[in-house]
Amino acid sequence: MNTLDNYIAEYLEYCEYRKRLDAKSIKAYRIDLKQFYNFCNGSDDFLSRNTVDLFITFLHRQYKPKTVKRKIASLKAFFHYLEYKDLLTENPFAKLDIHFREAKLLPKTIPFHSIQKLLSVMYQQKKQASSSYQLRCCIRDIAVIELLFATGMRISELCGLCPSDIDLENNTVLIYGSPITTTTSRIDAPPIRIISAGILLPFFFRNSFASSIR
């Protein structure tokens, strides 16, 4: 084995017996470091900043940002170990710019048929309610789901609602998106009309997340 191969073997042993990492983590480290070893192709220049920089460029060409970030973290931890053991005079990561912007993933939309199925089950549970309390709970749950889909509000915004935010006369709801953003949205969902009748409005707020934060 050459020097790099020895260093990797020692580091993996250190991870297993000193850091007590689980087998899955050690396997991931082994794969990432073996890839770096193969990239160096037996060269003794693996400690240079240029070699590490070229390897990071190679990773960016081959993998998605999230994978690149993980592999860089594995290599960085390895070089930190070498520095800790005084096996290198200068850590190549010390003056290496490895920051990059990860692409933001857009939230996935729920298929319409899934929404229909969810509401269908909830309305069926409402029909099968065996007590007035259970019935009100079912209507409350339906109202929550209908509100989310009808207005597009966030769950945090729903939890932040208070009775004064719902205008029963104009059938609208006031949504506080942020300290400086307020939106008024019209309510058209049938379950909300039940709440608007005034019977369930106090119950809705007494038995929802809003009551725990207001």
N, C-alpha and C. Protein backbone atom coordinates (compact mmCIF):
# COMPACT_ATOMS: atom_id res chain seq x y z
N MET A 1 0.84 -1.20 0.00
CA MET A 1 0.00 0.00 0.00
C MET A 1 0.87 1.25 0.00
N ASN A 2 0.42 2.26 -0.76
CA ASN A 2 1.16 3.52 -0.74
C ASN A 2 0.73 4.36 0.46
N THR A 3 1.28 5.56 0.57
CA THR A 3 1.03 6.41 1.74
C THR A 3 -0.44 6.74 1.91
N LEU A 4 -1.11 7.17 0.82
CA LEU A 4 -2.52 7.55 0.90
C LEU A 4 -3.38 6.37 1.33
N ASP A 5 -3.09 5.19 0.78
CA ASP A 5 -3.84 3.99 1.13
C ASP A 5 -3.71 3.69 2.62
N ASN A 6 -2.49 3.84 3.14
CA ASN A 6 -2.25 3.62 4.57
C ASN A 6 -3.02 4.62 5.42
N TYR A 7 -2.98 5.87 5.01
CA TYR A 7 -3.67 6.92 5.75
C TYR A 7 -5.18 6.66 5.82
N ILE A 8 -5.74 6.25 4.68
CA ILE A 8 -7.18 5.98 4.64
C ILE A 8 -7.54 4.81 5.56
N ALA A 9 -6.72 3.75 5.53
CA ALA A 9 -6.96 2.58 6.38
C ALA A 9 -6.89 2.97 7.86
N GLU A 10 -5.90 3.79 8.21
CA GLU A 10 -5.76 4.24 9.60
C GLU A 10 -6.94 5.11 10.03
N TYR A 11 -7.38 5.96 9.11
CA TYR A 11 -8.49 6.86 9.43
C TYR A 11 -9.79 6.09 9.64
N LEU A 12 -10.05 5.11 8.79
CA LEU A 12 -11.27 4.31 8.93
C LEU A 12 -11.25 3.51 10.23
N GLU A 13 -10.07 3.04 10.61
CA GLU A 13 -9.92 2.33 11.88
C GLU A 13 -10.19 3.29 13.06
N TYR A 14 -9.70 4.50 12.92
CA TYR A 14 -9.92 5.53 13.94
C TYR A 14 -11.42 5.84 14.07
N CYS A 15 -12.10 5.92 12.93
CA CYS A 15 -13.54 6.20 12.93
C CYS A 15 -14.33 5.08 13.60
N GLU A 16 -13.88 3.85 13.39
CA GLU A 16 -14.60 2.70 13.92
C GLU A 16 -14.39 2.52 15.42
N TYR A 17 -13.12 2.61 15.87
CA TYR A 17 -12.82 2.26 17.25
C TYR A 17 -12.69 3.45 18.20
N ARG A 18 -12.34 4.61 17.68
CA ARG A 18 -12.20 5.78 18.54
C ARG A 18 -13.45 6.66 18.51
N LYS A 19 -13.96 6.92 17.30
CA LYS A 19 -15.15 7.76 17.19
C LYS A 19 -16.44 6.96 17.32
N ARG A 20 -16.31 5.63 17.24
CA ARG A 20 -17.45 4.73 17.40
C ARG A 20 -18.57 5.02 16.40
N LEU A 21 -18.19 5.27 15.16
CA LEU A 21 -19.19 5.51 14.13
C LEU A 21 -19.85 4.19 13.73
N ASP A 22 -21.08 4.27 13.28
CA ASP A 22 -21.78 3.05 12.88
C ASP A 22 -21.27 2.55 11.53
N ALA A 23 -21.62 1.32 11.22
CA ALA A 23 -21.12 0.67 10.00
C ALA A 23 -21.53 1.41 8.74
N LYS A 24 -22.72 1.99 8.75
CA LYS A 24 -23.21 2.72 7.58
C LYS A 24 -22.36 3.96 7.30
N SER A 25 -21.99 4.68 8.36
CA SER A 25 -21.16 5.88 8.19
C SER A 25 -19.77 5.52 7.70
N ILE A 26 -19.20 4.47 8.27
CA ILE A 26 -17.86 4.04 7.87
C ILE A 26 -17.86 3.58 6.41
N LYS A 27 -18.91 2.89 6.01
CA LYS A 27 -19.01 2.45 4.62
C LYS A 27 -19.05 3.65 3.67
N ALA A 28 -19.80 4.69 4.06
CA ALA A 28 -19.89 5.90 3.23
C ALA A 28 -18.53 6.59 3.13
N TYR A 29 -17.82 6.68 4.27
CA TYR A 29 -16.47 7.26 4.26
C TYR A 29 -15.54 6.47 3.36
N ARG A 30 -15.62 5.14 3.46
CA ARG A 30 -14.74 4.28 2.67
C ARG A 30 -14.98 4.49 1.17
N ILE A 31 -16.23 4.57 0.77
CA ILE A 31 -16.56 4.79 -0.65
C ILE A 31 -16.03 6.13 -1.14
N ASP A 32 -16.26 7.18 -0.34
CA ASP A 32 -15.84 8.53 -0.74
C ASP A 32 -14.32 8.65 -0.82
N LEU A 33 -13.63 8.07 0.17
CA LEU A 33 -12.17 8.17 0.20
C LEU A 33 -11.52 7.28 -0.86
N LYS A 34 -12.14 6.15 -1.15
CA LYS A 34 -11.62 5.29 -2.22
C LYS A 34 -11.73 6.01 -3.56
N GLN A 35 -12.79 6.78 -3.72
CA GLN A 35 -12.95 7.56 -4.95
C GLN A 35 -11.85 8.60 -5.08
N PHE A 36 -11.50 9.24 -3.97
CA PHE A 36 -10.41 10.21 -3.98
C PHE A 36 -9.08 9.50 -4.28
N TYR A 37 -8.90 8.32 -3.70
CA TYR A 37 -7.69 7.53 -3.94
C TYR A 37 -7.55 7.18 -5.42
N ASN A 38 -8.65 6.73 -6.03
CA ASN A 38 -8.62 6.38 -7.45
C ASN A 38 -8.37 7.61 -8.32
N PHE A 39 -8.90 8.75 -7.89
CA PHE A 39 -8.69 9.99 -8.64
C PHE A 39 -7.21 10.37 -8.63
N CYS A 40 -6.57 10.18 -7.49
CA CYS A 40 -5.14 10.51 -7.38
C CYS A 40 -4.27 9.53 -8.16
N ASN A 41 -4.81 8.32 -8.41
CA ASN A 41 -4.12 7.33 -9.24
C ASN A 41 -2.71 7.01 -8.73
N GLY A 42 -2.60 6.83 -7.42
CA GLY A 42 -1.32 6.45 -6.85
C GLY A 42 -0.32 7.58 -6.71
N SER A 43 -0.70 8.79 -7.04
CA SER A 43 0.22 9.92 -6.95
C SER A 43 0.48 10.30 -5.50
N ASP A 44 1.70 10.77 -5.22
CA ASP A 44 2.04 11.22 -3.87
C ASP A 44 1.68 12.69 -3.66
N ASP A 45 1.03 13.27 -4.67
CA ASP A 45 0.69 14.69 -4.61
C ASP A 45 -0.71 14.92 -4.03
N PHE A 46 -1.23 13.92 -3.32
CA PHE A 46 -2.62 14.00 -2.84
C PHE A 46 -2.81 15.05 -1.75
N LEU A 47 -1.72 15.50 -1.13
CA LEU A 47 -1.84 16.48 -0.06
C LEU A 47 -1.89 17.92 -0.57
N SER A 48 -1.68 18.10 -1.86
CA SER A 48 -1.64 19.46 -2.39
C SER A 48 -3.04 20.06 -2.55
N ARG A 49 -3.11 21.36 -2.42
CA ARG A 49 -4.37 22.07 -2.58
C ARG A 49 -4.89 21.92 -4.01
N ASN A 50 -3.97 21.89 -4.96
CA ASN A 50 -4.36 21.77 -6.37
C ASN A 50 -5.06 20.44 -6.64
N THR A 51 -4.54 19.35 -6.07
CA THR A 51 -5.15 18.04 -6.27
C THR A 51 -6.57 17.99 -5.69
N VAL A 52 -6.71 18.52 -4.49
CA VAL A 52 -8.02 18.54 -3.84
C VAL A 52 -8.98 19.42 -4.64
N ASP A 53 -8.50 20.54 -5.13
CA ASP A 53 -9.32 21.45 -5.92
C ASP A 53 -9.80 20.78 -7.20
N LEU A 54 -8.91 20.06 -7.86
CA LEU A 54 -9.27 19.35 -9.09
C LEU A 54 -10.30 18.25 -8.81
N PHE A 55 -10.13 17.59 -7.66
CA PHE A 55 -11.07 16.53 -7.29
C PHE A 55 -12.47 17.10 -7.04
N ILE A 56 -12.53 18.24 -6.37
CA ILE A 56 -13.82 18.88 -6.11
C ILE A 56 -14.49 19.30 -7.42
N THR A 57 -13.69 19.80 -8.35
CA THR A 57 -14.23 20.15 -9.68
C THR A 57 -14.79 18.91 -10.37
N PHE A 58 -14.06 17.80 -10.24
CA PHE A 58 -14.51 16.53 -10.81
C PHE A 58 -15.85 16.11 -10.20
N LEU A 59 -15.99 16.26 -8.89
CA LEU A 59 -17.24 15.90 -8.22
C LEU A 59 -18.42 16.72 -8.73
N HIS A 60 -18.17 18.02 -8.92
CA HIS A 60 -19.24 18.90 -9.41
C HIS A 60 -19.71 18.50 -10.80
N ARG A 61 -18.81 17.95 -11.59
CA ARG A 61 -19.17 17.53 -12.95
C ARG A 61 -19.94 16.21 -12.96
N GLN A 62 -19.76 15.43 -11.90
CA GLN A 62 -20.33 14.08 -11.89
C GLN A 62 -21.62 13.95 -11.07
N TYR A 63 -21.78 14.78 -10.05
CA TYR A 63 -22.87 14.56 -9.09
C TYR A 63 -23.71 15.81 -8.85
N LYS A 64 -24.83 15.59 -8.21
CA LYS A 64 -25.70 16.69 -7.81
C LYS A 64 -25.10 17.38 -6.58
N PRO A 65 -25.45 18.65 -6.36
CA PRO A 65 -24.87 19.42 -5.25
C PRO A 65 -24.94 18.74 -3.89
N LYS A 66 -26.05 18.08 -3.58
CA LYS A 66 -26.19 17.44 -2.27
C LYS A 66 -25.16 16.33 -2.09
N THR A 67 -24.92 15.55 -3.15
CA THR A 67 -23.94 14.47 -3.09
C THR A 67 -22.53 15.04 -3.01
N VAL A 68 -22.28 16.10 -3.77
CA VAL A 68 -20.96 16.75 -3.74
C VAL A 68 -20.67 17.25 -2.33
N LYS A 69 -21.65 17.85 -1.71
CA LYS A 69 -21.48 18.39 -0.36
C LYS A 69 -21.10 17.29 0.63
N ARG A 70 -21.74 16.12 0.50
CA ARG A 70 -21.44 15.02 1.40
C ARG A 70 -20.04 14.48 1.19
N LYS A 71 -19.64 14.32 -0.08
CA LYS A 71 -18.32 13.79 -0.40
C LYS A 71 -17.21 14.75 0.03
N ILE A 72 -17.45 16.04 -0.13
CA ILE A 72 -16.47 17.03 0.33
C ILE A 72 -16.33 16.96 1.85
N ALA A 73 -17.45 16.79 2.54
CA ALA A 73 -17.43 16.69 4.00
C ALA A 73 -16.61 15.47 4.44
N SER A 74 -16.73 14.36 3.72
CA SER A 74 -15.96 13.16 4.03
C SER A 74 -14.47 13.42 3.87
N LEU A 75 -14.10 14.06 2.77
CA LEU A 75 -12.69 14.34 2.49
C LEU A 75 -12.13 15.36 3.49
N LYS A 76 -12.94 16.34 3.81
CA LYS A 76 -12.51 17.38 4.76
C LYS A 76 -12.25 16.78 6.14
N ALA A 77 -13.11 15.86 6.57
CA ALA A 77 -12.93 15.18 7.85
C ALA A 77 -11.66 14.34 7.85
N PHE A 78 -11.37 13.72 6.72
CA PHE A 78 -10.15 12.91 6.57
C PHE A 78 -8.91 13.77 6.71
N PHE A 79 -8.88 14.91 6.05
CA PHE A 79 -7.71 15.80 6.13
C PHE A 79 -7.60 16.44 7.52
N HIS A 80 -8.72 16.63 8.17
CA HIS A 80 -8.68 17.14 9.54
C HIS A 80 -8.02 16.11 10.46
N TYR A 81 -8.27 14.84 10.20
CA TYR A 81 -7.63 13.76 10.96
C TYR A 81 -6.13 13.76 10.72
N LEU A 82 -5.73 13.91 9.45
CA LEU A 82 -4.30 13.94 9.13
C LEU A 82 -3.61 15.11 9.82
N GLU A 83 -4.30 16.24 9.87
CA GLU A 83 -3.75 17.42 10.54
C GLU A 83 -3.65 17.18 12.04
N TYR A 84 -4.66 16.54 12.60
CA TYR A 84 -4.67 16.22 14.03
C TYR A 84 -3.52 15.29 14.40
N LYS A 85 -3.18 14.38 13.49
CA LYS A 85 -2.11 13.42 13.71
C LYS A 85 -0.73 13.95 13.29
N ASP A 86 -0.68 15.22 12.89
CA ASP A 86 0.57 15.84 12.41
C ASP A 86 1.17 15.10 11.23
N LEU A 87 0.29 14.61 10.36
CA LEU A 87 0.75 13.89 9.17
C LEU A 87 0.83 14.80 7.95
N LEU A 88 0.45 16.05 8.11
CA LEU A 88 0.62 17.03 7.04
C LEU A 88 0.96 18.38 7.66
N THR A 89 1.69 19.17 6.90
CA THR A 89 2.14 20.47 7.41
C THR A 89 1.09 21.55 7.19
N GLU A 90 0.29 21.40 6.14
CA GLU A 90 -0.74 22.39 5.85
C GLU A 90 -1.98 21.69 5.29
N ASN A 91 -3.10 21.99 5.88
CA ASN A 91 -4.36 21.40 5.42
C ASN A 91 -4.79 22.09 4.12
N PRO A 92 -4.94 21.33 3.02
CA PRO A 92 -5.33 21.95 1.74
C PRO A 92 -6.68 22.65 1.78
N PHE A 93 -7.51 22.31 2.75
CA PHE A 93 -8.82 22.95 2.86
C PHE A 93 -8.75 24.32 3.52
N ALA A 94 -7.59 24.63 4.13
CA ALA A 94 -7.46 25.87 4.89
C ALA A 94 -7.73 27.11 4.04
N LYS A 95 -7.24 27.11 2.80
CA LYS A 95 -7.40 28.28 1.93
C LYS A 95 -8.13 27.91 0.64
N LEU A 96 -9.01 26.92 0.76
CA LEU A 96 -9.74 26.46 -0.42
C LEU A 96 -11.20 26.88 -0.31
N ASP A 97 -11.70 27.54 -1.34
CA ASP A 97 -13.10 27.97 -1.35
C ASP A 97 -13.98 26.82 -1.82
N ILE A 98 -14.73 26.25 -0.89
CA ILE A 98 -15.57 25.09 -1.23
C ILE A 98 -17.05 25.42 -1.12
N HIS A 99 -17.37 26.68 -0.89
CA HIS A 99 -18.78 27.06 -0.76
C HIS A 99 -19.43 27.16 -2.14
N PHE A 100 -20.63 26.66 -2.24
CA PHE A 100 -21.38 26.76 -3.49
C PHE A 100 -22.87 26.76 -3.17
N ARG A 101 -23.64 27.28 -4.08
CA ARG A 101 -25.08 27.40 -3.86
C ARG A 101 -25.79 26.13 -4.32
N GLU A 102 -26.58 25.59 -3.42
CA GLU A 102 -27.37 24.41 -3.76
C GLU A 102 -28.70 24.85 -4.37
N ALA A 103 -29.12 24.11 -5.39
CA ALA A 103 -30.39 24.42 -6.04
C ALA A 103 -31.54 24.17 -5.07
N LYS A 104 -32.47 25.11 -5.00
CA LYS A 104 -33.62 24.95 -4.13
C LYS A 104 -34.69 24.12 -4.83
N LEU A 105 -35.16 23.10 -4.13
CA LEU A 105 -36.19 22.24 -4.70
C LEU A 105 -37.56 22.85 -4.42
N LEU A 106 -38.36 22.93 -5.45
CA LEU A 106 -39.72 23.43 -5.29
C LEU A 106 -40.57 22.39 -4.56
N PRO A 107 -41.46 22.83 -3.69
CA PRO A 107 -42.32 21.86 -2.99
C PRO A 107 -43.19 21.09 -3.97
N LYS A 108 -43.37 19.81 -3.69
CA LYS A 108 -44.19 18.97 -4.56
C LYS A 108 -45.67 19.23 -4.30
N THR A 109 -46.43 19.24 -5.37
CA THR A 109 -47.87 19.44 -5.24
C THR A 109 -48.55 18.10 -4.98
N ILE A 110 -49.65 18.15 -4.24
CA ILE A 110 -50.41 16.93 -3.96
C ILE A 110 -51.34 16.66 -5.13
N PRO A 111 -51.31 15.47 -5.71
CA PRO A 111 -52.20 15.15 -6.83
C PRO A 111 -53.66 15.36 -6.44
N PHE A 112 -54.46 15.82 -7.40
CA PHE A 112 -55.86 16.14 -7.13
C PHE A 112 -56.63 14.91 -6.65
N HIS A 113 -56.31 13.74 -7.22
CA HIS A 113 -57.04 12.53 -6.82
C HIS A 113 -56.74 12.17 -5.36
N SER A 114 -55.54 12.53 -4.87
CA SER A 114 -55.21 12.27 -3.47
C SER A 114 -56.02 13.18 -2.55
N ILE A 115 -56.20 14.43 -2.98
CA ILE A 115 -57.01 15.37 -2.21
C ILE A 115 -58.45 14.89 -2.14
N GLN A 116 -58.97 14.44 -3.30
CA GLN A 116 -60.35 13.94 -3.34
C GLN A 116 -60.53 12.74 -2.41
N LYS A 117 -59.54 11.85 -2.42
CA LYS A 117 -59.62 10.65 -1.59
C LYS A 117 -59.59 11.02 -0.11
N LEU A 118 -58.71 11.97 0.25
CA LEU A 118 -58.61 12.41 1.64
C LEU A 118 -59.93 13.01 2.12
N LEU A 119 -60.48 13.91 1.33
CA LEU A 119 -61.74 14.56 1.72
C LEU A 119 -62.90 13.57 1.75
N SER A 120 -62.88 12.62 0.82
CA SER A 120 -63.93 11.61 0.78
C SER A 120 -63.95 10.80 2.08
N VAL A 121 -62.78 10.41 2.55
CA VAL A 121 -62.68 9.66 3.80
C VAL A 121 -63.14 10.51 4.98
N MET A 122 -62.76 11.78 4.98
CA MET A 122 -63.12 12.67 6.09
C MET A 122 -64.63 12.90 6.15
N TYR A 123 -65.24 13.09 4.98
CA TYR A 123 -66.69 13.29 4.95
C TYR A 123 -67.43 12.01 5.36
N GLN A 124 -66.84 10.86 5.02
CA GLN A 124 -67.45 9.58 5.42
C GLN A 124 -67.39 9.42 6.94
N GLN A 125 -66.26 9.83 7.53
CA GLN A 125 -66.13 9.77 8.99
C GLN A 125 -67.14 10.70 9.65
N LYS A 126 -67.41 11.82 9.00
CA LYS A 126 -68.41 12.77 9.53
C LYS A 126 -69.79 12.12 9.57
N LYS A 127 -70.13 11.38 8.51
CA LYS A 127 -71.43 10.71 8.46
C LYS A 127 -71.55 9.63 9.54
N GLN A 128 -70.42 9.02 9.88
CA GLN A 128 -70.42 7.91 10.83
C GLN A 128 -70.19 8.35 12.27
N ALA A 129 -70.12 9.66 12.50
CA ALA A 129 -69.89 10.17 13.85
C ALA A 129 -71.00 9.70 14.79
N SER A 130 -70.61 9.18 15.96
CA SER A 130 -71.58 8.59 16.89
C SER A 130 -71.97 9.52 18.03
N SER A 131 -71.38 10.69 18.10
CA SER A 131 -71.73 11.66 19.15
C SER A 131 -71.60 13.07 18.59
N SER A 132 -72.22 14.02 19.29
CA SER A 132 -72.15 15.41 18.83
C SER A 132 -70.71 15.93 18.90
N TYR A 133 -69.97 15.50 19.90
CA TYR A 133 -68.57 15.94 20.01
C TYR A 133 -67.74 15.39 18.85
N GLN A 134 -67.93 14.11 18.55
CA GLN A 134 -67.21 13.49 17.44
C GLN A 134 -67.57 14.16 16.12
N LEU A 135 -68.84 14.52 15.97
CA LEU A 135 -69.29 15.20 14.76
C LEU A 135 -68.59 16.54 14.61
N ARG A 136 -68.52 17.29 15.70
CA ARG A 136 -67.87 18.59 15.65
C ARG A 136 -66.38 18.46 15.34
N CYS A 137 -65.75 17.44 15.89
CA CYS A 137 -64.33 17.20 15.61
C CYS A 137 -64.12 16.90 14.12
N CYS A 138 -65.01 16.11 13.55
CA CYS A 138 -64.92 15.77 12.13
C CYS A 138 -65.07 17.02 11.27
N ILE A 139 -66.06 17.86 11.62
CA ILE A 139 -66.29 19.08 10.86
C ILE A 139 -65.09 20.02 11.00
N ARG A 140 -64.53 20.08 12.21
CA ARG A 140 -63.34 20.91 12.42
C ARG A 140 -62.18 20.45 11.54
N ASP A 141 -61.95 19.14 11.50
CA ASP A 141 -60.85 18.60 10.69
C ASP A 141 -61.06 18.88 9.21
N ILE A 142 -62.31 18.72 8.76
CA ILE A 142 -62.63 19.02 7.36
C ILE A 142 -62.39 20.49 7.07
N ALA A 143 -62.81 21.34 8.01
CA ALA A 143 -62.63 22.78 7.83
C ALA A 143 -61.16 23.15 7.71
N VAL A 144 -60.32 22.50 8.51
CA VAL A 144 -58.88 22.76 8.45
C VAL A 144 -58.33 22.43 7.07
N ILE A 145 -58.65 21.24 6.57
CA ILE A 145 -58.16 20.81 5.26
C ILE A 145 -58.72 21.69 4.15
N GLU A 146 -60.01 21.97 4.21
CA GLU A 146 -60.64 22.82 3.19
C GLU A 146 -60.03 24.22 3.20
N LEU A 147 -59.74 24.75 4.39
CA LEU A 147 -59.12 26.07 4.51
C LEU A 147 -57.75 26.09 3.84
N LEU A 148 -56.97 25.07 4.10
CA LEU A 148 -55.62 25.00 3.53
C LEU A 148 -55.67 24.99 2.01
N PHE A 149 -56.56 24.17 1.45
CA PHE A 149 -56.63 24.06 -0.01
C PHE A 149 -57.35 25.24 -0.65
N ALA A 150 -58.35 25.79 0.04
CA ALA A 150 -59.13 26.89 -0.55
C ALA A 150 -58.37 28.20 -0.56
N THR A 151 -57.54 28.43 0.47
CA THR A 151 -56.85 29.72 0.58
C THR A 151 -55.37 29.65 0.22
N GLY A 152 -54.78 28.45 0.29
CA GLY A 152 -53.35 28.32 0.02
C GLY A 152 -52.49 28.78 1.17
N MET A 153 -53.10 28.97 2.34
CA MET A 153 -52.32 29.42 3.50
C MET A 153 -51.40 28.32 4.01
N ARG A 154 -50.35 28.72 4.70
CA ARG A 154 -49.43 27.77 5.32
C ARG A 154 -50.06 27.23 6.61
N ILE A 155 -49.52 26.10 7.07
CA ILE A 155 -50.01 25.52 8.32
C ILE A 155 -49.75 26.47 9.48
N SER A 156 -48.58 27.12 9.47
CA SER A 156 -48.25 28.08 10.53
C SER A 156 -49.24 29.24 10.54
N GLU A 157 -49.70 29.65 9.35
CA GLU A 157 -50.68 30.74 9.26
C GLU A 157 -52.04 30.29 9.77
N LEU A 158 -52.38 29.04 9.48
CA LEU A 158 -53.64 28.48 9.98
C LEU A 158 -53.62 28.41 11.50
N CYS A 159 -52.48 27.96 12.05
CA CYS A 159 -52.36 27.84 13.50
C CYS A 159 -52.42 29.21 14.18
N GLY A 160 -52.06 30.24 13.43
CA GLY A 160 -52.05 31.58 14.00
C GLY A 160 -53.37 32.32 13.91
N LEU A 161 -54.39 31.68 13.34
CA LEU A 161 -55.70 32.33 13.22
C LEU A 161 -56.36 32.53 14.59
N CYS A 162 -57.09 33.62 14.73
CA CYS A 162 -57.91 33.83 15.92
C CYS A 162 -59.31 34.23 15.44
N PRO A 163 -60.33 34.16 16.29
CA PRO A 163 -61.71 34.42 15.85
C PRO A 163 -61.91 35.72 15.09
N SER A 164 -61.19 36.77 15.49
CA SER A 164 -61.37 38.06 14.83
C SER A 164 -60.84 38.07 13.40
N ASP A 165 -60.06 37.05 13.02
CA ASP A 165 -59.52 36.98 11.66
C ASP A 165 -60.56 36.48 10.66
N ILE A 166 -61.62 35.86 11.16
CA ILE A 166 -62.66 35.33 10.28
C ILE A 166 -63.85 36.28 10.26
N ASP A 167 -64.15 36.79 9.08
CA ASP A 167 -65.27 37.71 8.89
C ASP A 167 -66.50 36.91 8.45
N LEU A 168 -67.41 36.66 9.37
CA LEU A 168 -68.57 35.83 9.08
C LEU A 168 -69.54 36.51 8.12
N GLU A 169 -69.58 37.82 8.17
CA GLU A 169 -70.52 38.56 7.32
C GLU A 169 -70.09 38.54 5.86
N ASN A 170 -68.80 38.77 5.62
CA ASN A 170 -68.29 38.81 4.24
C ASN A 170 -67.67 37.50 3.79
N ASN A 171 -67.66 36.50 4.70
CA ASN A 171 -67.13 35.18 4.36
C ASN A 171 -65.68 35.24 3.90
N THR A 172 -64.84 35.93 4.68
CA THR A 172 -63.42 36.06 4.34
C THR A 172 -62.58 35.71 5.56
N VAL A 173 -61.30 35.44 5.30
CA VAL A 173 -60.36 35.15 6.38
C VAL A 173 -59.12 36.02 6.20
N LEU A 174 -58.62 36.55 7.29
CA LEU A 174 -57.44 37.40 7.26
C LEU A 174 -56.22 36.54 7.57
N ILE A 175 -55.24 36.53 6.66
CA ILE A 175 -54.06 35.68 6.80
C ILE A 175 -52.83 36.55 7.04
N TYR A 176 -52.13 36.27 8.13
CA TYR A 176 -50.90 37.00 8.44
C TYR A 176 -49.71 36.16 7.98
N GLY A 177 -49.16 36.51 6.80
CA GLY A 177 -48.04 35.75 6.25
C GLY A 177 -46.73 36.05 6.95
N SER A 178 -46.53 37.31 7.34
CA SER A 178 -45.32 37.75 8.03
C SER A 178 -45.68 39.03 8.77
N PRO A 179 -44.76 39.56 9.58
CA PRO A 179 -45.06 40.80 10.30
C PRO A 179 -45.47 41.96 9.40
N ILE A 180 -45.09 41.90 8.12
CA ILE A 180 -45.40 43.02 7.22
C ILE A 180 -46.32 42.60 6.07
N THR A 181 -46.77 41.35 6.07
CA THR A 181 -47.62 40.85 4.98
C THR A 181 -48.95 40.33 5.53
N THR A 182 -50.03 40.91 5.05
CA THR A 182 -51.37 40.47 5.44
C THR A 182 -52.22 40.29 4.19
N THR A 183 -52.91 39.16 4.10
CA THR A 183 -53.74 38.85 2.93
C THR A 183 -55.16 38.52 3.37
N THR A 184 -56.12 39.02 2.62
CA THR A 184 -57.52 38.66 2.87
C THR A 184 -57.97 37.69 1.78
N SER A 185 -58.45 36.52 2.19
CA SER A 185 -58.87 35.49 1.24
C SER A 185 -60.33 35.14 1.46
N ARG A 186 -61.05 34.96 0.36
CA ARG A 186 -62.47 34.61 0.44
C ARG A 186 -62.62 33.12 0.74
N ILE A 187 -63.60 32.78 1.57
CA ILE A 187 -63.86 31.40 1.95
C ILE A 187 -65.09 30.91 1.22
N ASP A 188 -64.92 29.85 0.41
CA ASP A 188 -66.06 29.32 -0.34
C ASP A 188 -66.35 27.86 -0.01
N ALA A 189 -65.47 27.22 0.77
CA ALA A 189 -65.64 25.80 1.04
C ALA A 189 -66.87 25.55 1.91
N PRO A 190 -67.68 24.53 1.60
CA PRO A 190 -68.89 24.21 2.37
C PRO A 190 -68.65 24.05 3.87
N PRO A 191 -67.58 23.36 4.31
CA PRO A 191 -67.38 23.21 5.75
C PRO A 191 -67.19 24.55 6.46
N ILE A 192 -66.60 25.52 5.76
CA ILE A 192 -66.39 26.82 6.38
C ILE A 192 -67.71 27.53 6.57
N ARG A 193 -68.66 27.27 5.69
CA ARG A 193 -69.99 27.87 5.83
C ARG A 193 -70.67 27.35 7.11
N ILE A 194 -70.36 26.10 7.45
CA ILE A 194 -70.91 25.54 8.69
C ILE A 194 -70.33 26.29 9.88
N ILE A 195 -69.02 26.54 9.82
CA ILE A 195 -68.38 27.31 10.88
C ILE A 195 -68.96 28.72 10.91
N SER A 196 -69.20 29.28 9.72
CA SER A 196 -69.73 30.63 9.62
C SER A 196 -71.12 30.77 10.21
N ALA A 197 -71.80 29.65 10.37
CA ALA A 197 -73.14 29.70 10.97
C ALA A 197 -73.07 30.14 12.43
N GLY A 198 -71.85 30.10 12.98
CA GLY A 198 -71.66 30.58 14.35
C GLY A 198 -71.67 29.49 15.39
N ILE A 199 -72.16 28.31 15.03
CA ILE A 199 -72.28 27.23 16.01
C ILE A 199 -70.91 26.65 16.36
N LEU A 200 -70.07 26.46 15.32
CA LEU A 200 -68.80 25.78 15.54
C LEU A 200 -67.61 26.72 15.68
N LEU A 201 -67.81 28.01 15.48
CA LEU A 201 -66.67 28.92 15.51
C LEU A 201 -65.90 28.89 16.84
N PRO A 202 -66.58 28.99 17.99
CA PRO A 202 -65.84 28.90 19.26
C PRO A 202 -65.17 27.55 19.44
N PHE A 203 -65.87 26.48 19.04
CA PHE A 203 -65.32 25.13 19.17
C PHE A 203 -64.06 24.97 18.32
N PHE A 204 -64.10 25.55 17.12
CA PHE A 204 -62.98 25.44 16.18
C PHE A 204 -61.71 25.99 16.81
N PHE A 205 -61.80 27.13 17.46
CA PHE A 205 -60.61 27.75 18.03
C PHE A 205 -60.25 27.19 19.41
N ARG A 206 -61.23 26.66 20.11
CA ARG A 206 -60.94 26.06 21.41
C ARG A 206 -60.20 24.74 21.26
N ASN A 207 -60.42 24.06 20.15
CA ASN A 207 -59.89 22.71 19.96
C ASN A 207 -58.98 22.63 18.74
N SER A 208 -58.16 23.64 18.55
CA SER A 208 -57.21 23.63 17.43
C SER A 208 -55.86 24.08 17.93
N PHE A 209 -54.85 24.03 17.03
CA PHE A 209 -53.50 24.44 17.40
C PHE A 209 -53.47 25.90 17.81
N ALA A 210 -54.39 26.70 17.26
CA ALA A 210 -54.37 28.13 17.55
C ALA A 210 -54.52 28.39 19.05
N SER A 211 -55.30 27.55 19.72
CA SER A 211 -55.55 27.77 21.14
C SER A 211 -54.31 27.55 21.98
N SER A 212 -53.34 26.80 21.44
CA SER A 212 -52.13 26.51 22.20
C SER A 212 -51.05 27.56 22.04
N ILE A 213 -51.24 28.47 21.07
CA ILE A 213 -50.20 29.46 20.84
C ILE A 213 -50.70 30.88 21.02
N ARG A 214 -52.01 31.06 21.23
CA ARG A 214 -52.57 32.40 21.42
C ARG A 214 -52.94 32.61 22.89
